[in-house]
Each structure stands twice: as C-alpha cells, then as structure tokens.
Amino acid sequence: MDEKVKIIALTGPTATGKTALAVHLARQFNAEIISVDSRQVYRGMDLGTGKDLAEYEEIPYHLIDIADPAADEYNLSCFCKDAFQAIADISARGKLPLLCGGTPLYLTAILQAYRLPGGALPHHNSGLPRERQNPEAEYSFIPPFEIDPLVLGIYFPRKTVHERIEKRLDARLAAGMCDEVQKLHDLQKVSWEKMEFFGLEYREIGRYLQGKTSFEEMRYTLLCRIRQFAKRQDIFFRKMEREGIPIRWLKEGCAPEAEELIKRFLNNSKLPEITFRMSETFYGKR
C-alpha cells in the first residue's frame, strides 16, 4: 500500500465497556472490529476473556476464536501478522478498521510498527529450550505497510474501575464461568498447567475446581488479581504516552466525544489539543 491506512484504536483498562463503545462506533462509521486481546483468540474461552459476542450483533469482528487453547500458543508475532492482514482486508473493502482491546503490548506493537527479530520461540510442548530470540536471526515479522492511527481510551477513576470489576466478576461467575473452565478441561482437553499459563480467571478457577481453594477464596483472590491487572494496564498506558503515543481519553467512554474525534480524523481536520494524560495523573501520596 502506498498510502497510510487510517485506523481507529480503542483501548482502556478491563471492565470499562470497550466492546459496547466499539460496536456503537462501528455502526456509526461503517467499521469492522479487530480484537486486541491476547486470550480472546482462543475458542471456548468466552466468559473469562469477556468476549461478549452477543454485543456485536451484525458487526463483523476479527481475531476472536481463531486458536485452539489446548494445542496452539498464540503470541505477539502471530497477532501482528493477523492484525495487519485484517487491517488490509477491511480497508480494501472500503471499511474502517477499528482495533479494540486491553492488551497494551499488542496494541503498541501495531502503533509503533514493531519489527520482531529472531523468529518465534519453540512451542511450550516441543521439548526444545525456550531461549531468548536471536536478534541476529531473520525477522519473524516486519510491518507490510504504514498506518495512520487515532487512539482513543476509556477512562474511569480507579475506584470506579474497581467497582466495575467486582460487579462484572460476580455477573460472570453467576453466568457459569466455572462451568466454562471445567468444559475447557474436560471437553477441549486444556490441561490444568495450561490454565495456569492463561492466568487470572483460568488459573484461579482451575485451582478451585481441583479442590485447592474454596469458592470464597477463589473469588477474593481473583478479584484482587484482576484489580492488579487493571493497574498494570494503567502503567502500560502511561508508558505508551511517555513514548509518544497520543491517547485521547474519553471520560466514562463518552460516545459523542469519540464520534466527533473520529469525524475530524477521517476528514483530515485538526484535532483538539490533548488536555488529559494518564501519565500526568497520580494516585495516593507522592
């Protein structure tokens, strides 16, 4: 491609309503959604990864349910290849690529055009040593074209994020998240060791299903772990800003503001100055 491809990227901490806003924006701007989530690629991992597939309705989505959780090991190189292919395909059909998700490393790799050296690491079941990639070896991924991104983020105060995480966790447990993990083990043959690899919901519920913790202990530990995960996302977003990635934060996911920014961006109009930066927001004593 000779010209840069315009894309929208919508990100933010877990439990902030990214999917719902992405679907709304996709309807407004004839877009298709590309998931930027390291676990939504796996089939059968639905409640635990927050796929919320019912919310998409008629909106096409990409990079969801494309890997086998028992046999495949999806990594950054896989994502970069698949994401750029999806961007090219969507753009070629005259539609707008809308990346949505909360895995900041994956998003940064697209926005900063990561070149990944040394090939992929051996599969964890290959029996080969998983040594660091060799920077002198052939690149496993080189971006095939340039992009022109508008990066939007959903912002809630940390206390609100913590409340939303707890409410969502209880809703997903009530909806059968423990049954989902049991089926992954029994029917899809995902080992308990692989559940540990997937982390968060799959690790803690897997331990509960093995009788290592009580339900109450599992819920409490999981709630703490997810809140810690949201904090790590926050830290990465600050890093992205410090490295020069402009993120336009939408207070409480304000849809009208997002729509106005996208209209200006697509029309090549000047965007307003950024007045709020996550990297300049601090919590607690300094």
Foldseek 3Di string as FASTA:
>chain_A
DPDAAEAEEEEAFPLLCQVLLLLVVCVVFVAAEEEPFLPQLEPLCDLVRPPPVVSNVPHHYDSGHNDHLAPDDDDLLNLLVRVLVVSVVQVVVVGHYYYTYLPLVSVCCQQVQDFAAQADFDDPPPPDDRDDGDRVHHTSDGRPHHHDYAAEYEDDPLVVSLVSLLVSLVVSVVVPLLVSLVCCCPPSVHDLVSLVVVDQSSVLSSCVVVVNDPPVVSSVVSSVVSSVVSVVSLVSQLVCVVVPDDYAYDYSSDSVVVVVQVVCVVVVHDDDDRDDGSNPDDDDDD
